[in-house]
Amino acid sequence: MAIRNIVQVGDETLRKKCFEVTSFDQKLWTLLDDMKDTVRKAEGAGLAGPQVGVLRRVFFVDVEEGYFEFVNPVIVSVSGTQSGKEGCLSVKGKWGEVTRPKKVVIKAQDRFGNAFSLTAKDFFARAVCHEYDHLDGILYIDKATEIVND
Protein backbone atom coordinates (compact mmCIF):
# COMPACT_ATOMS: atom_id res chain seq x y z
CA MET A 1 0.00 0.00 0.00
CA ALA A 2 0.97 3.62 -0.39
CA ILE A 3 0.30 6.91 1.31
CA ARG A 4 -1.32 9.29 -1.19
CA ASN A 5 -1.24 13.07 -1.16
CA ILE A 6 -4.41 14.63 0.21
CA VAL A 7 -5.76 17.34 -2.10
CA GLN A 8 -6.27 20.69 -0.35
CA VAL A 9 -9.02 23.29 -0.66
CA GLY A 10 -8.37 25.48 -3.68
CA ASP A 11 -7.65 22.49 -5.93
CA GLU A 12 -10.46 22.27 -8.50
CA THR A 13 -10.62 18.48 -8.11
CA LEU A 14 -12.48 18.93 -4.82
CA ARG A 15 -15.27 20.85 -6.57
CA LYS A 16 -16.02 18.31 -9.30
CA LYS A 17 -18.77 15.70 -9.36
CA CYS A 18 -17.37 12.16 -9.31
CA PHE A 19 -18.05 9.41 -11.83
CA GLU A 20 -19.63 6.05 -11.08
CA VAL A 21 -17.29 3.12 -10.49
CA THR A 22 -17.79 0.50 -13.22
CA SER A 23 -14.77 -1.77 -12.71
CA PHE A 24 -14.41 -3.68 -9.47
CA ASP A 25 -10.83 -4.72 -10.00
CA GLN A 26 -7.32 -4.52 -8.59
CA LYS A 27 -7.10 -0.82 -9.45
CA LEU A 28 -10.12 -0.08 -7.23
CA TRP A 29 -8.85 -2.33 -4.46
CA THR A 30 -5.46 -0.60 -4.50
CA LEU A 31 -7.16 2.81 -4.36
CA LEU A 32 -9.23 1.76 -1.34
CA ASP A 33 -6.23 0.23 0.43
CA ASP A 34 -4.10 3.32 -0.25
CA MET A 35 -6.89 5.60 0.99
CA LYS A 36 -7.16 3.58 4.20
CA ASP A 37 -3.41 3.85 4.82
CA THR A 38 -3.49 7.56 3.99
CA VAL A 39 -6.31 8.44 6.38
CA ARG A 40 -4.90 6.38 9.21
CA LYS A 41 -1.55 8.15 8.87
CA ALA A 42 -3.41 11.49 8.85
CA GLU A 43 -5.59 10.39 11.81
CA GLY A 44 -8.87 11.17 10.07
CA ALA A 45 -12.31 9.56 10.25
CA GLY A 46 -12.83 9.13 6.51
CA LEU A 47 -11.67 9.93 3.02
CA ALA A 48 -13.29 10.25 -0.41
CA GLY A 49 -11.87 9.65 -3.87
CA PRO A 50 -11.52 13.31 -4.86
CA GLN A 51 -9.48 13.97 -1.73
CA VAL A 52 -6.71 11.88 -3.26
CA GLY A 53 -7.32 13.24 -6.77
CA VAL A 54 -9.51 10.38 -8.03
CA LEU A 55 -12.92 11.44 -9.39
CA ARG A 56 -14.73 8.20 -8.61
CA ARG A 57 -17.79 7.68 -6.38
CA VAL A 58 -15.94 5.97 -3.56
CA PHE A 59 -15.33 6.80 0.08
CA PHE A 60 -14.87 5.13 3.42
CA VAL A 61 -15.33 5.98 7.04
CA ASP A 62 -13.37 4.62 9.98
CA VAL A 63 -15.48 5.26 13.08
CA GLU A 64 -16.29 3.64 16.41
CA GLU A 65 -18.78 1.30 14.67
CA GLY A 66 -16.01 0.03 12.37
CA TYR A 67 -14.39 0.51 9.00
CA PHE A 68 -16.84 0.81 6.08
CA GLU A 69 -16.15 1.18 2.35
CA PHE A 70 -18.78 2.68 0.06
CA VAL A 71 -18.66 2.38 -3.73
CA ASN A 72 -21.35 4.16 -5.79
CA PRO A 73 -23.25 5.18 -2.63
CA VAL A 74 -26.76 6.64 -2.58
CA ILE A 75 -28.31 8.12 0.54
CA VAL A 76 -31.90 6.87 0.46
CA SER A 77 -33.29 8.52 3.58
CA VAL A 78 -32.36 10.94 6.34
CA SER A 79 -34.02 11.85 9.61
CA GLY A 80 -33.44 14.13 12.56
CA THR A 81 -30.74 16.75 12.87
CA GLN A 82 -27.52 17.20 14.77
CA SER A 83 -25.10 20.10 14.89
CA GLY A 84 -21.45 19.91 15.76
CA LYS A 85 -17.87 20.75 14.89
CA GLU A 86 -16.42 19.33 11.70
CA GLY A 87 -13.00 19.41 10.18
CA CYS A 88 -11.59 17.93 6.99
CA LEU A 89 -8.24 16.57 5.91
CA SER A 90 -8.61 18.73 2.77
CA VAL A 91 -9.22 21.92 4.80
CA LYS A 92 -6.30 21.89 7.21
CA GLY A 93 -6.34 24.01 10.32
CA LYS A 94 -10.02 24.93 10.29
CA TRP A 95 -13.23 23.75 11.98
CA GLY A 96 -16.82 24.62 11.33
CA GLU A 97 -20.21 24.21 12.96
CA VAL A 98 -22.31 22.05 10.61
CA THR A 99 -25.86 20.70 10.85
CA ARG A 100 -26.31 17.20 9.45
CA PRO A 101 -28.93 14.43 9.64
CA LYS A 102 -28.91 12.43 12.88
CA LYS A 103 -29.68 9.22 10.99
CA VAL A 104 -29.06 8.16 7.37
CA VAL A 105 -29.83 5.05 5.39
CA ILE A 106 -27.33 4.48 2.60
CA LYS A 107 -27.12 1.94 -0.21
CA ALA A 108 -23.80 1.19 -1.86
CA GLN A 109 -21.55 -1.52 -3.23
CA ASP A 110 -18.49 -3.01 -1.61
CA ARG A 111 -15.10 -3.34 -3.32
CA PHE A 112 -16.28 -6.49 -5.11
CA GLY A 113 -19.50 -4.95 -6.46
CA ASN A 114 -21.84 -6.56 -3.92
CA ALA A 115 -24.77 -4.32 -2.98
CA PHE A 116 -25.52 -3.53 0.65
CA SER A 117 -27.53 -1.12 2.75
CA LEU A 118 -26.88 0.20 6.23
CA THR A 119 -28.17 2.70 8.75
CA ALA A 120 -25.78 5.16 10.35
CA LYS A 121 -26.55 7.31 13.40
CA ASP A 122 -24.91 10.15 15.27
CA PHE A 123 -21.20 10.65 14.45
CA PHE A 124 -21.30 7.71 12.00
CA ALA A 125 -24.10 9.52 10.09
CA ARG A 126 -22.12 12.78 10.19
CA ALA A 127 -19.05 11.07 8.75
CA VAL A 128 -21.07 9.34 6.00
CA CYS A 129 -22.74 12.63 4.98
CA HIS A 130 -19.43 14.52 5.07
CA GLU A 131 -17.69 12.03 2.79
CA TYR A 132 -20.75 11.63 0.56
CA ASP A 133 -20.76 15.39 -0.06
CA HIS A 134 -17.19 15.16 -1.38
CA LEU A 135 -18.47 12.99 -4.26
CA ASP A 136 -20.57 15.93 -5.47
CA GLY A 137 -17.90 18.61 -4.99
CA ILE A 138 -19.35 19.88 -1.70
CA LEU A 139 -17.13 20.71 1.27
CA TYR A 140 -18.22 21.15 4.88
CA ILE A 141 -17.18 24.80 4.66
CA ASP A 142 -20.07 25.28 2.20
CA LYS A 143 -22.54 24.26 4.93
CA ALA A 144 -20.86 25.60 8.06
CA THR A 145 -22.47 28.42 9.98
CA GLU A 146 -19.14 29.40 11.49
CA ILE A 147 -15.54 28.65 10.49
CA VAL A 148 -12.74 28.90 13.05
CA ASN A 149 -8.99 28.35 12.83
CA ASP A 150 -7.25 25.83 15.07
C-alpha atoms as a PDB file:
ATOM      1  CA  MET A   1       0.000   0.000   0.000  1.00  0.00           C
ATOM      2  CA  ALA A   2       0.972   3.620  -0.392  1.00  0.00           C
ATOM      3  CA  ILE A   3       0.298   6.915   1.310  1.00  0.00           C
ATOM      4  CA  ARG A   4      -1.319   9.294  -1.186  1.00  0.00           C
ATOM      5  CA  ASN A   5      -1.237  13.074  -1.162  1.00  0.00           C
ATOM      6  CA  ILE A   6      -4.410  14.634   0.209  1.00  0.00           C
ATOM      7  CA  VAL A   7      -5.755  17.337  -2.099  1.00  0.00           C
ATOM      8  CA  GLN A   8      -6.271  20.688  -0.347  1.00  0.00           C
ATOM      9  CA  VAL A   9      -9.021  23.287  -0.657  1.00  0.00           C
ATOM     10  CA  GLY A  10      -8.368  25.484  -3.683  1.00  0.00           C
ATOM     11  CA  ASP A  11      -7.648  22.489  -5.930  1.00  0.00           C
ATOM     12  CA  GLU A  12     -10.460  22.273  -8.498  1.00  0.00           C
ATOM     13  CA  THR A  13     -10.623  18.477  -8.113  1.00  0.00           C
ATOM     14  CA  LEU A  14     -12.482  18.931  -4.819  1.00  0.00           C
ATOM     15  CA  ARG A  15     -15.267  20.852  -6.566  1.00  0.00           C
ATOM     16  CA  LYS A  16     -16.017  18.312  -9.298  1.00  0.00           C
ATOM     17  CA  LYS A  17     -18.770  15.702  -9.364  1.00  0.00           C
ATOM     18  CA  CYS A  18     -17.374  12.165  -9.309  1.00  0.00           C
ATOM     19  CA  PHE A  19     -18.046   9.408 -11.830  1.00  0.00           C
ATOM     20  CA  GLU A  20     -19.635   6.050 -11.080  1.00  0.00           C
ATOM     21  CA  VAL A  21     -17.285   3.121 -10.493  1.00  0.00           C
ATOM     22  CA  THR A  22     -17.790   0.501 -13.222  1.00  0.00           C
ATOM     23  CA  SER A  23     -14.772  -1.771 -12.713  1.00  0.00           C
ATOM     24  CA  PHE A  24     -14.415  -3.680  -9.466  1.00  0.00           C
ATOM     25  CA  ASP A  25     -10.834  -4.721  -9.996  1.00  0.00           C
ATOM     26  CA  GLN A  26      -7.321  -4.518  -8.585  1.00  0.00           C
ATOM     27  CA  LYS A  27      -7.100  -0.819  -9.453  1.00  0.00           C
ATOM     28  CA  LEU A  28     -10.123  -0.083  -7.233  1.00  0.00           C
ATOM     29  CA  TRP A  29      -8.848  -2.332  -4.456  1.00  0.00           C
ATOM     30  CA  THR A  30      -5.459  -0.600  -4.501  1.00  0.00           C
ATOM     31  CA  LEU A  31      -7.157   2.810  -4.360  1.00  0.00           C
ATOM     32  CA  LEU A  32      -9.229   1.765  -1.337  1.00  0.00           C
ATOM     33  CA  ASP A  33      -6.231   0.233   0.429  1.00  0.00           C
ATOM     34  CA  ASP A  34      -4.100   3.325  -0.249  1.00  0.00           C
ATOM     35  CA  MET A  35      -6.894   5.596   0.993  1.00  0.00           C
ATOM     36  CA  LYS A  36      -7.158   3.582   4.203  1.00  0.00           C
ATOM     37  CA  ASP A  37      -3.408   3.853   4.820  1.00  0.00           C
ATOM     38  CA  THR A  38      -3.487   7.560   3.987  1.00  0.00           C
ATOM     39  CA  VAL A  39      -6.314   8.440   6.377  1.00  0.00           C
ATOM     40  CA  ARG A  40      -4.898   6.378   9.211  1.00  0.00           C
ATOM     41  CA  LYS A  41      -1.554   8.149   8.874  1.00  0.00           C
ATOM     42  CA  ALA A  42      -3.412  11.491   8.848  1.00  0.00           C
ATOM     43  CA  GLU A  43      -5.586  10.386  11.814  1.00  0.00           C
ATOM     44  CA  GLY A  44      -8.869  11.173  10.072  1.00  0.00           C
ATOM     45  CA  ALA A  45     -12.309   9.559  10.245  1.00  0.00           C
ATOM     46  CA  GLY A  46     -12.833   9.132   6.513  1.00  0.00           C
ATOM     47  CA  LEU A  47     -11.670   9.930   3.016  1.00  0.00           C
ATOM     48  CA  ALA A  48     -13.290  10.253  -0.405  1.00  0.00           C
ATOM     49  CA  GLY A  49     -11.867   9.650  -3.871  1.00  0.00           C
ATOM     50  CA  PRO A  50     -11.516  13.306  -4.863  1.00  0.00           C
ATOM     51  CA  GLN A  51      -9.482  13.972  -1.730  1.00  0.00           C
ATOM     52  CA  VAL A  52      -6.713  11.877  -3.263  1.00  0.00           C
ATOM     53  CA  GLY A  53      -7.315  13.243  -6.768  1.00  0.00           C
ATOM     54  CA  VAL A  54      -9.507  10.381  -8.032  1.00  0.00           C
ATOM     55  CA  LEU A  55     -12.917  11.435  -9.390  1.00  0.00           C
ATOM     56  CA  ARG A  56     -14.734   8.196  -8.607  1.00  0.00           C
ATOM     57  CA  ARG A  57     -17.790   7.681  -6.379  1.00  0.00           C
ATOM     58  CA  VAL A  58     -15.940   5.967  -3.557  1.00  0.00           C
ATOM     59  CA  PHE A  59     -15.326   6.797   0.082  1.00  0.00           C
ATOM     60  CA  PHE A  60     -14.867   5.130   3.415  1.00  0.00           C
ATOM     61  CA  VAL A  61     -15.332   5.975   7.042  1.00  0.00           C
ATOM     62  CA  ASP A  62     -13.372   4.615   9.980  1.00  0.00           C
ATOM     63  CA  VAL A  63     -15.478   5.260  13.079  1.00  0.00           C
ATOM     64  CA  GLU A  64     -16.294   3.639  16.412  1.00  0.00           C
ATOM     65  CA  GLU A  65     -18.776   1.300  14.674  1.00  0.00           C
ATOM     66  CA  GLY A  66     -16.008   0.027  12.373  1.00  0.00           C
ATOM     67  CA  TYR A  67     -14.390   0.506   8.998  1.00  0.00           C
ATOM     68  CA  PHE A  68     -16.839   0.813   6.080  1.00  0.00           C
ATOM     69  CA  GLU A  69     -16.150   1.177   2.348  1.00  0.00           C
ATOM     70  CA  PHE A  70     -18.785   2.677   0.057  1.00  0.00           C
ATOM     71  CA  VAL A  71     -18.656   2.384  -3.735  1.00  0.00           C
ATOM     72  CA  ASN A  72     -21.354   4.163  -5.789  1.00  0.00           C
ATOM     73  CA  PRO A  73     -23.253   5.185  -2.630  1.00  0.00           C
ATOM     74  CA  VAL A  74     -26.757   6.644  -2.584  1.00  0.00           C
ATOM     75  CA  ILE A  75     -28.307   8.123   0.536  1.00  0.00           C
ATOM     76  CA  VAL A  76     -31.899   6.866   0.459  1.00  0.00           C
ATOM     77  CA  SER A  77     -33.292   8.525   3.582  1.00  0.00           C
ATOM     78  CA  VAL A  78     -32.356  10.937   6.343  1.00  0.00           C
ATOM     79  CA  SER A  79     -34.024  11.853   9.614  1.00  0.00           C
ATOM     80  CA  GLY A  80     -33.440  14.127  12.560  1.00  0.00           C
ATOM     81  CA  THR A  81     -30.741  16.748  12.868  1.00  0.00           C
ATOM     82  CA  GLN A  82     -27.517  17.202  14.772  1.00  0.00           C
ATOM     83  CA  SER A  83     -25.105  20.098  14.892  1.00  0.00           C
ATOM     84  CA  GLY A  84     -21.449  19.911  15.757  1.00  0.00           C
ATOM     85  CA  LYS A  85     -17.872  20.755  14.894  1.00  0.00           C
ATOM     86  CA  GLU A  86     -16.421  19.332  11.696  1.00  0.00           C
ATOM     87  CA  GLY A  87     -12.998  19.407  10.181  1.00  0.00           C
ATOM     88  CA  CYS A  88     -11.593  17.930   6.991  1.00  0.00           C
ATOM     89  CA  LEU A  89      -8.237  16.571   5.906  1.00  0.00           C
ATOM     90  CA  SER A  90      -8.607  18.734   2.769  1.00  0.00           C
ATOM     91  CA  VAL A  91      -9.218  21.921   4.798  1.00  0.00           C
ATOM     92  CA  LYS A  92      -6.301  21.891   7.214  1.00  0.00           C
ATOM     93  CA  GLY A  93      -6.340  24.008  10.324  1.00  0.00           C
ATOM     94  CA  LYS A  94     -10.023  24.928  10.294  1.00  0.00           C
ATOM     95  CA  TRP A  95     -13.225  23.748  11.980  1.00  0.00           C
ATOM     96  CA  GLY A  96     -16.820  24.618  11.327  1.00  0.00           C
ATOM     97  CA  GLU A  97     -20.213  24.212  12.957  1.00  0.00           C
ATOM     98  CA  VAL A  98     -22.311  22.046  10.615  1.00  0.00           C
ATOM     99  CA  THR A  99     -25.864  20.696  10.855  1.00  0.00           C
ATOM    100  CA  ARG A 100     -26.308  17.198   9.448  1.00  0.00           C
ATOM    101  CA  PRO A 101     -28.927  14.430   9.641  1.00  0.00           C
ATOM    102  CA  LYS A 102     -28.908  12.429  12.881  1.00  0.00           C
ATOM    103  CA  LYS A 103     -29.678   9.223  10.994  1.00  0.00           C
ATOM    104  CA  VAL A 104     -29.056   8.164   7.374  1.00  0.00           C
ATOM    105  CA  VAL A 105     -29.826   5.051   5.386  1.00  0.00           C
ATOM    106  CA  ILE A 106     -27.328   4.481   2.601  1.00  0.00           C
ATOM    107  CA  LYS A 107     -27.118   1.944  -0.209  1.00  0.00           C
ATOM    108  CA  ALA A 108     -23.800   1.187  -1.857  1.00  0.00           C
ATOM    109  CA  GLN A 109     -21.555  -1.516  -3.228  1.00  0.00           C
ATOM    110  CA  ASP A 110     -18.488  -3.013  -1.615  1.00  0.00           C
ATOM    111  CA  ARG A 111     -15.095  -3.341  -3.317  1.00  0.00           C
ATOM    112  CA  PHE A 112     -16.282  -6.488  -5.114  1.00  0.00           C
ATOM    113  CA  GLY A 113     -19.501  -4.952  -6.463  1.00  0.00           C
ATOM    114  CA  ASN A 114     -21.838  -6.555  -3.923  1.00  0.00           C
ATOM    115  CA  ALA A 115     -24.773  -4.324  -2.980  1.00  0.00           C
ATOM    116  CA  PHE A 116     -25.518  -3.530   0.652  1.00  0.00           C
ATOM    117  CA  SER A 117     -27.527  -1.115   2.752  1.00  0.00           C
ATOM    118  CA  LEU A 118     -26.883   0.202   6.234  1.00  0.00           C
ATOM    119  CA  THR A 119     -28.170   2.696   8.750  1.00  0.00           C
ATOM    120  CA  ALA A 120     -25.778   5.165  10.353  1.00  0.00           C
ATOM    121  CA  LYS A 121     -26.555   7.308  13.401  1.00  0.00           C
ATOM    122  CA  ASP A 122     -24.914  10.153  15.269  1.00  0.00           C
ATOM    123  CA  PHE A 123     -21.196  10.646  14.453  1.00  0.00           C
ATOM    124  CA  PHE A 124     -21.300   7.713  12.002  1.00  0.00           C
ATOM    125  CA  ALA A 125     -24.098   9.522  10.090  1.00  0.00           C
ATOM    126  CA  ARG A 126     -22.125  12.782  10.195  1.00  0.00           C
ATOM    127  CA  ALA A 127     -19.046  11.065   8.748  1.00  0.00           C
ATOM    128  CA  VAL A 128     -21.068   9.344   6.002  1.00  0.00           C
ATOM    129  CA  CYS A 129     -22.735  12.626   4.982  1.00  0.00           C
ATOM    130  CA  HIS A 130     -19.429  14.523   5.067  1.00  0.00           C
ATOM    131  CA  GLU A 131     -17.688  12.026   2.793  1.00  0.00           C
ATOM    132  CA  TYR A 132     -20.753  11.629   0.563  1.00  0.00           C
ATOM    133  CA  ASP A 133     -20.761  15.388  -0.060  1.00  0.00           C
ATOM    134  CA  HIS A 134     -17.185  15.156  -1.383  1.00  0.00           C
ATOM    135  CA  LEU A 135     -18.473  12.988  -4.258  1.00  0.00           C
ATOM    136  CA  ASP A 136     -20.572  15.932  -5.474  1.00  0.00           C
ATOM    137  CA  GLY A 137     -17.903  18.610  -4.987  1.00  0.00           C
ATOM    138  CA  ILE A 138     -19.347  19.882  -1.700  1.00  0.00           C
ATOM    139  CA  LEU A 139     -17.128  20.714   1.275  1.00  0.00           C
ATOM    140  CA  TYR A 140     -18.224  21.152   4.881  1.00  0.00           C
ATOM    141  CA  ILE A 141     -17.183  24.802   4.662  1.00  0.00           C
ATOM    142  CA  ASP A 142     -20.072  25.284   2.204  1.00  0.00           C
ATOM    143  CA  LYS A 143     -22.536  24.260   4.929  1.00  0.00           C
ATOM    144  CA  ALA A 144     -20.865  25.602   8.057  1.00  0.00           C
ATOM    145  CA  THR A 145     -22.473  28.422   9.978  1.00  0.00           C
ATOM    146  CA  GLU A 146     -19.143  29.397  11.495  1.00  0.00           C
ATOM    147  CA  ILE A 147     -15.537  28.647  10.494  1.00  0.00           C
ATOM    148  CA  VAL A 148     -12.741  28.901  13.050  1.00  0.00           C
ATOM    149  CA  ASN A 149      -8.991  28.350  12.828  1.00  0.00           C
ATOM    150  CA  ASP A 150      -7.250  25.832  15.074  1.00  0.00           C
END
